[in-house]
Amino acid sequence: MAALEIDAVERTFPGTRGAAPTRALQPVSLEARDNDFIAILGPSGCGKSTLLRIVAGLDTPSAGQVRMDGLPITGPGADRGMVFQSYTLFPWLTVRQNIAFGLREQGMAPARQKEICDLYLERVGLAAFAEHMPRQLSGGMQQRTALARALANNPKMLLLDEPFGALDHQTRELMQELLLGLWEQERKTVLLVTHDIDEAIFMANRVVVMSARPGRIKCEMAVDFAHPRDYRLKTTPDFAALKARITEEIRAEVIRAAEMGA
């Protein structure tokens, strides 16, 4: 059984003030196995984030169903951890308190909370900043905290919606390597929505390209580069060849959307 089954999921948003409804997703079907790292690419507005929100239980499909370990997803759950592009830390809590938030909500013993927090503070390189407030952190450090908070709850699946999109180029590359290293350690199932083709190829073992709106899965490509990976992979001919293929698939959808006036 697949860890995640997206079965003919559609999403149409009702129109407002007399406008026609917006069909964001036509039937989308996708399976993710345990330990898969799937990157979802596509033109702006193709429904990537909508699909991720449905998997997270933050939105409801208009048709179709999403199942986790065979059970329908009907809302948010501890089996799925979500990291957004915007910084979503609680500004009144320290780094440690942010990471421990879900553990505290579960009623976990304080000693065990501290043990888990210390582990993830070390893994994301923030042990020296445990008592800092979010306003005292750089953007990259805030996203490391958000990532640690999601992982501390030990979700089966990690859902990432453009998590590094607001970061500068150098910080983004460091965060990619950090996240990939964590995945290589913990082997979670990961769904990553991104606009960055290099990021998708570097991190994922499968890349899914979506069509222009209404989004559907246009094609899927395996990424067979060995692990562990580092930044030098991006300079190889095989990386460049795969990037060229994916770029052409997305470019064709961008052109089609422009021709349709989408």
C-alpha atoms as a PDB file:
ATOM      1  CA  MET A   1       0.000   0.000   0.000  1.00  0.00           C
ATOM      2  CA  ALA A   2       1.290   3.492  -0.849  1.00  0.00           C
ATOM      3  CA  ALA A   3       1.906   5.874   2.037  1.00  0.00           C
ATOM      4  CA  LEU A   4      -0.129   8.539   0.235  1.00  0.00           C
ATOM      5  CA  GLU A   5      -2.787   8.109  -2.450  1.00  0.00           C
ATOM      6  CA  ILE A   6      -4.171  11.107  -4.314  1.00  0.00           C
ATOM      7  CA  ASP A   7      -7.126   9.656  -6.187  1.00  0.00           C
ATOM      8  CA  ALA A   8      -8.740  11.736  -8.983  1.00  0.00           C
ATOM      9  CA  VAL A   9      -8.680  14.905  -6.862  1.00  0.00           C
ATOM     10  CA  GLU A  10     -10.325  18.010  -8.330  1.00  0.00           C
ATOM     11  CA  ARG A  11     -10.757  21.497  -6.919  1.00  0.00           C
ATOM     12  CA  THR A  12     -13.056  24.250  -8.145  1.00  0.00           C
ATOM     13  CA  PHE A  13     -13.363  27.532  -6.258  1.00  0.00           C
ATOM     14  CA  PRO A  14     -16.762  29.231  -6.426  1.00  0.00           C
ATOM     15  CA  GLY A  15     -16.933  32.614  -8.122  1.00  0.00           C
ATOM     16  CA  THR A  16     -17.579  35.770  -6.135  1.00  0.00           C
ATOM     17  CA  ARG A  17     -19.665  38.811  -7.088  1.00  0.00           C
ATOM     18  CA  GLY A  18     -21.053  37.076 -10.126  1.00  0.00           C
ATOM     19  CA  ALA A  19     -17.701  35.824 -11.441  1.00  0.00           C
ATOM     20  CA  ALA A  20     -17.463  32.340 -12.908  1.00  0.00           C
ATOM     21  CA  PRO A  21     -16.050  29.538 -10.740  1.00  0.00           C
ATOM     22  CA  THR A  22     -12.303  28.897 -11.035  1.00  0.00           C
ATOM     23  CA  ARG A  23     -11.280  25.325 -11.769  1.00  0.00           C
ATOM     24  CA  ALA A  24      -7.874  24.990 -10.121  1.00  0.00           C
ATOM     25  CA  LEU A  25      -7.347  21.237 -10.476  1.00  0.00           C
ATOM     26  CA  GLN A  26      -8.696  18.766 -12.980  1.00  0.00           C
ATOM     27  CA  PRO A  27      -8.480  15.108 -11.848  1.00  0.00           C
ATOM     28  CA  VAL A  28      -5.056  14.534 -10.278  1.00  0.00           C
ATOM     29  CA  SER A  29      -3.855  11.093  -9.211  1.00  0.00           C
ATOM     30  CA  LEU A  30      -0.497  10.439  -7.573  1.00  0.00           C
ATOM     31  CA  GLU A  31       0.974   7.898  -5.190  1.00  0.00           C
ATOM     32  CA  ALA A  32       3.857   8.459  -2.791  1.00  0.00           C
ATOM     33  CA  ARG A  33       5.676   5.523  -1.280  1.00  0.00           C
ATOM     34  CA  ASP A  34       7.346   5.436   2.123  1.00  0.00           C
ATOM     35  CA  ASN A  35      10.547   7.536   2.024  1.00  0.00           C
ATOM     36  CA  ASP A  36       9.709   9.118  -1.351  1.00  0.00           C
ATOM     37  CA  PHE A  37      10.916  12.662  -1.914  1.00  0.00           C
ATOM     38  CA  ILE A  38       8.636  14.123  -4.591  1.00  0.00           C
ATOM     39  CA  ALA A  39       9.061  17.631  -5.976  1.00  0.00           C
ATOM     40  CA  ILE A  40       6.070  19.235  -7.707  1.00  0.00           C
ATOM     41  CA  LEU A  41       6.822  21.804 -10.413  1.00  0.00           C
ATOM     42  CA  GLY A  42       4.633  23.759 -12.801  1.00  0.00           C
ATOM     43  CA  PRO A  43       3.671  27.233 -14.027  1.00  0.00           C
ATOM     44  CA  SER A  44       2.428  29.814 -11.560  1.00  0.00           C
ATOM     45  CA  GLY A  45      -1.244  29.297 -10.739  1.00  0.00           C
ATOM     46  CA  CYS A  46      -1.324  25.642 -11.826  1.00  0.00           C
ATOM     47  CA  GLY A  47      -2.663  24.385  -8.473  1.00  0.00           C
ATOM     48  CA  LYS A  48       0.543  23.068  -6.865  1.00  0.00           C
ATOM     49  CA  SER A  49      -0.084  24.727  -3.511  1.00  0.00           C
ATOM     50  CA  THR A  50      -3.794  23.916  -3.663  1.00  0.00           C
ATOM     51  CA  LEU A  51      -2.937  20.229  -4.039  1.00  0.00           C
ATOM     52  CA  LEU A  52      -0.496  20.404  -1.120  1.00  0.00           C
ATOM     53  CA  ARG A  53      -3.095  22.109   1.091  1.00  0.00           C
ATOM     54  CA  ILE A  54      -5.584  19.348   0.282  1.00  0.00           C
ATOM     55  CA  VAL A  55      -3.015  16.714   1.308  1.00  0.00           C
ATOM     56  CA  ALA A  56      -2.393  18.697   4.508  1.00  0.00           C
ATOM     57  CA  GLY A  57      -6.125  18.710   5.263  1.00  0.00           C
ATOM     58  CA  LEU A  58      -6.263  22.531   5.067  1.00  0.00           C
ATOM     59  CA  ASP A  59      -8.572  22.451   2.036  1.00  0.00           C
ATOM     60  CA  THR A  60     -11.210  20.045   0.748  1.00  0.00           C
ATOM     61  CA  PRO A  61     -11.322  18.576  -2.758  1.00  0.00           C
ATOM     62  CA  SER A  62     -14.372  19.216  -4.902  1.00  0.00           C
ATOM     63  CA  ALA A  63     -14.129  15.616  -6.092  1.00  0.00           C
ATOM     64  CA  GLY A  64     -11.857  12.654  -5.480  1.00  0.00           C
ATOM     65  CA  GLN A  65     -10.111  11.618  -2.289  1.00  0.00           C
ATOM     66  CA  VAL A  66      -6.720  11.679  -0.564  1.00  0.00           C
ATOM     67  CA  ARG A  67      -5.761   8.728   1.618  1.00  0.00           C
ATOM     68  CA  MET A  68      -2.910   8.277   4.072  1.00  0.00           C
ATOM     69  CA  ASP A  69      -2.101   4.652   4.828  1.00  0.00           C
ATOM     70  CA  GLY A  70      -5.464   3.738   3.337  1.00  0.00           C
ATOM     71  CA  LEU A  71      -7.508   6.140   5.498  1.00  0.00           C
ATOM     72  CA  PRO A  72      -9.200   9.240   4.032  1.00  0.00           C
ATOM     73  CA  ILE A  73      -7.705  12.585   4.994  1.00  0.00           C
ATOM     74  CA  THR A  74     -10.466  14.758   6.415  1.00  0.00           C
ATOM     75  CA  GLY A  75      -8.427  17.473   8.133  1.00  0.00           C
ATOM     76  CA  PRO A  76      -4.999  18.338   9.536  1.00  0.00           C
ATOM     77  CA  GLY A  77      -3.219  15.597  11.477  1.00  0.00           C
ATOM     78  CA  ALA A  78      -0.026  14.904  13.399  1.00  0.00           C
ATOM     79  CA  ASP A  79       1.015  12.429  10.699  1.00  0.00           C
ATOM     80  CA  ARG A  80       1.701  15.405   8.375  1.00  0.00           C
ATOM     81  CA  GLY A  81       4.079  18.258   9.140  1.00  0.00           C
ATOM     82  CA  MET A  82       3.792  21.449   7.062  1.00  0.00           C
ATOM     83  CA  VAL A  83       6.377  24.155   6.392  1.00  0.00           C
ATOM     84  CA  PHE A  84       5.265  27.275   4.505  1.00  0.00           C
ATOM     85  CA  GLN A  85       7.208  29.889   2.558  1.00  0.00           C
ATOM     86  CA  SER A  86       6.286  32.646   5.007  1.00  0.00           C
ATOM     87  CA  TYR A  87       7.789  32.538   8.461  1.00  0.00           C
ATOM     88  CA  THR A  88       5.115  31.004  10.678  1.00  0.00           C
ATOM     89  CA  LEU A  89       6.835  30.966  14.057  1.00  0.00           C
ATOM     90  CA  PHE A  90       5.034  32.202  17.157  1.00  0.00           C
ATOM     91  CA  PRO A  91       6.742  35.565  17.765  1.00  0.00           C
ATOM     92  CA  TRP A  92       6.138  35.468  21.529  1.00  0.00           C
ATOM     93  CA  LEU A  93       7.916  32.106  21.959  1.00  0.00           C
ATOM     94  CA  THR A  94      11.630  31.359  21.954  1.00  0.00           C
ATOM     95  CA  VAL A  95      13.211  29.045  19.387  1.00  0.00           C
ATOM     96  CA  ARG A  96      13.056  26.173  21.879  1.00  0.00           C
ATOM     97  CA  GLN A  97       9.447  26.921  22.788  1.00  0.00           C
ATOM     98  CA  ASN A  98       8.465  27.063  19.115  1.00  0.00           C
ATOM     99  CA  ILE A  99      10.034  23.667  18.462  1.00  0.00           C
ATOM    100  CA  ALA A 100       8.377  22.205  21.560  1.00  0.00           C
ATOM    101  CA  PHE A 101       4.928  23.630  20.811  1.00  0.00           C
ATOM    102  CA  GLY A 102       3.423  20.477  19.304  1.00  0.00           C
ATOM    103  CA  LEU A 103       5.067  18.261  21.909  1.00  0.00           C
ATOM    104  CA  ARG A 104       3.605  20.362  24.700  1.00  0.00           C
ATOM    105  CA  GLU A 105       0.165  20.226  23.072  1.00  0.00           C
ATOM    106  CA  GLN A 106       0.436  16.422  23.090  1.00  0.00           C
ATOM    107  CA  GLY A 107       1.003  16.503  26.852  1.00  0.00           C
ATOM    108  CA  MET A 108       4.521  15.084  26.566  1.00  0.00           C
ATOM    109  CA  ALA A 109       6.624  15.093  29.739  1.00  0.00           C
ATOM    110  CA  PRO A 110       8.909  18.159  29.977  1.00  0.00           C
ATOM    111  CA  ALA A 111      12.060  16.036  30.195  1.00  0.00           C
ATOM    112  CA  ARG A 112      11.182  14.248  26.952  1.00  0.00           C
ATOM    113  CA  GLN A 113      10.306  17.572  25.297  1.00  0.00           C
ATOM    114  CA  LYS A 114      13.742  18.907  26.191  1.00  0.00           C
ATOM    115  CA  GLU A 115      15.438  15.780  24.867  1.00  0.00           C
ATOM    116  CA  ILE A 116      13.687  16.044  21.495  1.00  0.00           C
ATOM    117  CA  CYS A 117      14.217  19.810  21.260  1.00  0.00           C
ATOM    118  CA  ASP A 118      17.923  19.440  22.011  1.00  0.00           C
ATOM    119  CA  LEU A 119      18.205  16.811  19.274  1.00  0.00           C
ATOM    120  CA  TYR A 120      16.634  19.023  16.611  1.00  0.00           C
ATOM    121  CA  LEU A 121      18.336  22.202  17.759  1.00  0.00           C
ATOM    122  CA  GLU A 122      21.599  20.364  17.161  1.00  0.00           C
ATOM    123  CA  ARG A 123      20.500  18.911  13.818  1.00  0.00           C
ATOM    124  CA  VAL A 124      19.504  22.285  12.369  1.00  0.00           C
ATOM    125  CA  GLY A 125      22.488  24.106  13.878  1.00  0.00           C
ATOM    126  CA  LEU A 126      20.566  26.319  16.314  1.00  0.00           C
ATOM    127  CA  ALA A 127      21.710  24.988  19.681  1.00  0.00           C
ATOM    128  CA  ALA A 128      23.360  28.333  20.474  1.00  0.00           C
ATOM    129  CA  PHE A 129      20.124  30.198  19.657  1.00  0.00           C
ATOM    130  CA  ALA A 130      17.648  28.109  21.679  1.00  0.00           C
ATOM    131  CA  GLU A 131      16.548  31.014  23.885  1.00  0.00           C
ATOM    132  CA  HIS A 132      16.419  33.646  21.119  1.00  0.00           C
ATOM    133  CA  MET A 133      13.143  35.141  19.941  1.00  0.00           C
ATOM    134  CA  PRO A 134      12.167  34.856  16.245  1.00  0.00           C
ATOM    135  CA  ARG A 135      12.759  38.591  15.685  1.00  0.00           C
ATOM    136  CA  GLN A 136      16.407  38.028  16.608  1.00  0.00           C
ATOM    137  CA  LEU A 137      16.897  35.443  13.849  1.00  0.00           C
ATOM    138  CA  SER A 138      17.712  35.724  10.156  1.00  0.00           C
ATOM    139  CA  GLY A 139      15.222  34.368   7.610  1.00  0.00           C
ATOM    140  CA  GLY A 140      17.233  31.182   7.160  1.00  0.00           C
ATOM    141  CA  MET A 141      17.383  30.607  10.909  1.00  0.00           C
ATOM    142  CA  GLN A 142      13.626  31.126  11.195  1.00  0.00           C
ATOM    143  CA  GLN A 143      13.021  28.501   8.501  1.00  0.00           C
ATOM    144  CA  ARG A 144      15.416  26.117  10.249  1.00  0.00           C
ATOM    145  CA  THR A 145      13.328  26.583  13.378  1.00  0.00           C
ATOM    146  CA  ALA A 146      10.113  25.922  11.437  1.00  0.00           C
ATOM    147  CA  LEU A 147      11.659  22.789   9.939  1.00  0.00           C
ATOM    148  CA  ALA A 148      12.796  21.576  13.365  1.00  0.00           C
ATOM    149  CA  ARG A 149       9.308  22.230  14.771  1.00  0.00           C
ATOM    150  CA  ALA A 150       7.726  20.129  12.034  1.00  0.00           C
ATOM    151  CA  LEU A 151      10.205  17.266  12.437  1.00  0.00           C
ATOM    152  CA  ALA A 152      10.089  17.263  16.247  1.00  0.00           C
ATOM    153  CA  ASN A 153       6.514  15.972  16.075  1.00  0.00           C
ATOM    154  CA  ASN A 154       7.788  12.923  14.152  1.00  0.00           C
ATOM    155  CA  PRO A 155       5.311  13.147  11.261  1.00  0.00           C
ATOM    156  CA  LYS A 156       5.149  10.356   8.731  1.00  0.00           C
ATOM    157  CA  MET A 157       5.080  12.922   5.914  1.00  0.00           C
ATOM    158  CA  LEU A 158       6.612  16.369   5.485  1.00  0.00           C
ATOM    159  CA  LEU A 159       4.788  18.882   3.262  1.00  0.00           C
ATOM    160  CA  LEU A 160       6.858  21.836   2.037  1.00  0.00           C
ATOM    161  CA  ASP A 161       5.292  24.786   0.204  1.00  0.00           C
ATOM    162  CA  GLU A 162       8.111  26.884  -1.305  1.00  0.00           C
ATOM    163  CA  PRO A 163       9.907  26.743   2.072  1.00  0.00           C
ATOM    164  CA  PHE A 164      13.036  28.553   0.852  1.00  0.00           C
ATOM    165  CA  GLY A 165      11.446  30.914  -1.657  1.00  0.00           C
ATOM    166  CA  ALA A 166      11.993  34.048   0.453  1.00  0.00           C
ATOM    167  CA  LEU A 167      15.675  33.350   1.130  1.00  0.00           C
ATOM    168  CA  ASP A 168      18.713  34.710  -0.674  1.00  0.00           C
ATOM    169  CA  HIS A 169      20.512  32.380  -3.077  1.00  0.00           C
ATOM    170  CA  GLN A 170      23.354  31.310  -0.779  1.00  0.00           C
ATOM    171  CA  THR A 171      21.091  30.714   2.227  1.00  0.00           C
ATOM    172  CA  ARG A 172      18.648  28.808   0.014  1.00  0.00           C
ATOM    173  CA  GLU A 173      21.382  26.424  -1.161  1.00  0.00           C
ATOM    174  CA  LEU A 174      22.536  25.821   2.417  1.00  0.00           C
ATOM    175  CA  MET A 175      18.943  25.101   3.467  1.00  0.00           C
ATOM    176  CA  GLN A 176      18.541  22.654   0.586  1.00  0.00           C
ATOM    177  CA  GLU A 177      21.592  20.739   1.766  1.00  0.00           C
ATOM    178  CA  LEU A 178      20.374  20.840   5.372  1.00  0.00           C
ATOM    179  CA  LEU A 179      16.918  19.495   4.491  1.00  0.00           C
ATOM    180  CA  LEU A 180      18.327  16.831   2.203  1.00  0.00           C
ATOM    181  CA  GLY A 181      20.696  15.712   4.959  1.00  0.00           C
ATOM    182  CA  LEU A 182      17.793  15.476   7.411  1.00  0.00           C
ATOM    183  CA  TRP A 183      15.779  13.431   4.903  1.00  0.00           C
ATOM    184  CA  GLU A 184      18.738  11.103   4.363  1.00  0.00           C
ATOM    185  CA  GLN A 185      18.863  10.623   8.145  1.00  0.00           C
ATOM    186  CA  GLU A 186      15.156  10.270   8.877  1.00  0.00           C
ATOM    187  CA  ARG A 187      13.718   8.996   5.568  1.00  0.00           C
ATOM    188  CA  LYS A 188      10.382  10.744   5.842  1.00  0.00           C
ATOM    189  CA  THR A 189       8.016  10.869   2.887  1.00  0.00           C
ATOM    190  CA  VAL A 190       8.298  14.399   1.486  1.00  0.00           C
ATOM    191  CA  LEU A 191       6.184  16.449  -0.916  1.00  0.00           C
ATOM    192  CA  LEU A 192       7.924  19.663  -1.985  1.00  0.00           C
ATOM    193  CA  VAL A 193       6.216  22.391  -4.012  1.00  0.00           C
ATOM    194  CA  THR A 194       8.751  24.658  -5.690  1.00  0.00           C
ATOM    195  CA  HIS A 195       9.303  26.911  -8.704  1.00  0.00           C
ATOM    196  CA  ASP A 196      13.035  26.196  -8.644  1.00  0.00           C
ATOM    197  CA  ILE A 197      13.977  23.417 -11.095  1.00  0.00           C
ATOM    198  CA  ASP A 198      17.505  23.094  -9.695  1.00  0.00           C
ATOM    199  CA  GLU A 199      16.056  22.688  -6.204  1.00  0.00           C
ATOM    200  CA  ALA A 200      13.617  20.001  -7.363  1.00  0.00           C
ATOM    201  CA  ILE A 201      16.282  17.925  -9.129  1.00  0.00           C
ATOM    202  CA  PHE A 202      18.858  18.333  -6.380  1.00  0.00           C
ATOM    203  CA  MET A 203      16.534  17.200  -3.596  1.00  0.00           C
ATOM    204  CA  ALA A 204      13.937  14.819  -5.015  1.00  0.00           C
ATOM    205  CA  ASN A 205      13.945  11.238  -6.221  1.00  0.00           C
ATOM    206  CA  ARG A 206      10.849  11.967  -8.347  1.00  0.00           C
ATOM    207  CA  VAL A 207       9.842  15.177 -10.111  1.00  0.00           C
ATOM    208  CA  VAL A 208       6.207  15.743 -11.064  1.00  0.00           C
ATOM    209  CA  VAL A 209       5.416  18.458 -13.624  1.00  0.00           C
ATOM    210  CA  MET A 210       1.922  19.931 -13.588  1.00  0.00           C
ATOM    211  CA  SER A 211       0.133  21.550 -16.511  1.00  0.00           C
ATOM    212  CA  ALA A 212      -1.177  25.086 -16.650  1.00  0.00           C
ATOM    213  CA  ARG A 213      -4.473  25.708 -14.836  1.00  0.00           C
ATOM    214  CA  PRO A 214      -6.581  23.731 -14.390  1.00  0.00           C
ATOM    215  CA  GLY A 215      -3.676  21.674 -13.148  1.00  0.00           C
ATOM    216  CA  ARG A 216      -3.131  18.036 -13.964  1.00  0.00           C
ATOM    217  CA  ILE A 217      -0.039  15.863 -13.854  1.00  0.00           C
ATOM    218  CA  LYS A 218       1.604  16.319 -17.217  1.00  0.00           C
ATOM    219  CA  CYS A 219       4.599  14.038 -16.654  1.00  0.00           C
ATOM    220  CA  GLU A 220       6.741  12.434 -13.982  1.00  0.00           C
ATOM    221  CA  MET A 221      10.495  11.895 -14.089  1.00  0.00           C
ATOM    222  CA  ALA A 222      12.723   9.769 -11.881  1.00  0.00           C
ATOM    223  CA  VAL A 223      15.804  11.419 -10.392  1.00  0.00           C
ATOM    224  CA  ASP A 224      18.319   8.623  -9.996  1.00  0.00           C
ATOM    225  CA  PHE A 225      21.337  10.488  -8.647  1.00  0.00           C
ATOM    226  CA  ALA A 226      23.009   8.700  -5.749  1.00  0.00           C
ATOM    227  CA  HIS A 227      23.012   9.847  -2.130  1.00  0.00           C
ATOM    228  CA  PRO A 228      24.497  11.609  -0.305  1.00  0.00           C
ATOM    229  CA  ARG A 229      24.281  14.588  -2.663  1.00  0.00           C
ATOM    230  CA  ASP A 230      26.089  17.910  -2.468  1.00  0.00           C
ATOM    231  CA  TYR A 231      26.175  21.128  -4.502  1.00  0.00           C
ATOM    232  CA  ARG A 232      28.651  19.679  -7.010  1.00  0.00           C
ATOM    233  CA  LEU A 233      25.844  17.565  -8.469  1.00  0.00           C
ATOM    234  CA  LYS A 234      24.411  20.738 -10.029  1.00  0.00           C
ATOM    235  CA  THR A 235      27.512  21.113 -12.227  1.00  0.00           C
ATOM    236  CA  THR A 236      27.285  17.680 -13.875  1.00  0.00           C
ATOM    237  CA  PRO A 237      26.149  16.998 -17.474  1.00  0.00           C
ATOM    238  CA  ASP A 238      23.441  14.574 -16.314  1.00  0.00           C
ATOM    239  CA  PHE A 239      21.972  17.236 -14.032  1.00  0.00           C
ATOM    240  CA  ALA A 240      21.980  19.762 -16.877  1.00  0.00           C
ATOM    241  CA  ALA A 241      20.305  17.300 -19.244  1.00  0.00           C
ATOM    242  CA  LEU A 242      17.475  16.553 -16.807  1.00  0.00           C
ATOM    243  CA  LYS A 243      17.044  20.259 -16.091  1.00  0.00           C
ATOM    244  CA  ALA A 244      16.731  20.945 -19.831  1.00  0.00           C
ATOM    245  CA  ARG A 245      13.981  18.304 -20.181  1.00  0.00           C
ATOM    246  CA  ILE A 246      11.985  19.658 -17.265  1.00  0.00           C
ATOM    247  CA  THR A 247      12.468  23.265 -18.375  1.00  0.00           C
ATOM    248  CA  GLU A 248      11.037  22.460 -21.795  1.00  0.00           C
ATOM    249  CA  GLU A 249       8.000  20.722 -20.278  1.00  0.00           C
ATOM    250  CA  ILE A 250       7.225  23.730 -18.076  1.00  0.00           C
ATOM    251  CA  ARG A 251       7.978  26.262 -20.815  1.00  0.00           C
ATOM    252  CA  ALA A 252       5.430  24.586 -23.080  1.00  0.00           C
ATOM    253  CA  GLU A 253       2.785  24.970 -20.358  1.00  0.00           C
ATOM    254  CA  VAL A 254       3.647  28.624 -19.767  1.00  0.00           C
ATOM    255  CA  ILE A 255       3.262  29.311 -23.484  1.00  0.00           C
ATOM    256  CA  ARG A 256      -0.031  27.407 -23.600  1.00  0.00           C
ATOM    257  CA  ALA A 257      -1.363  29.358 -20.634  1.00  0.00           C
ATOM    258  CA  ALA A 258      -0.404  32.654 -22.291  1.00  0.00           C
ATOM    259  CA  GLU A 259      -2.137  31.645 -25.511  1.00  0.00           C
ATOM    260  CA  MET A 260      -5.287  30.741 -23.572  1.00  0.00           C
ATOM    261  CA  GLY A 261      -5.152  33.990 -21.634  1.00  0.00           C
ATOM    262  CA  ALA A 262      -4.925  32.151 -18.320  1.00  0.00           C
END
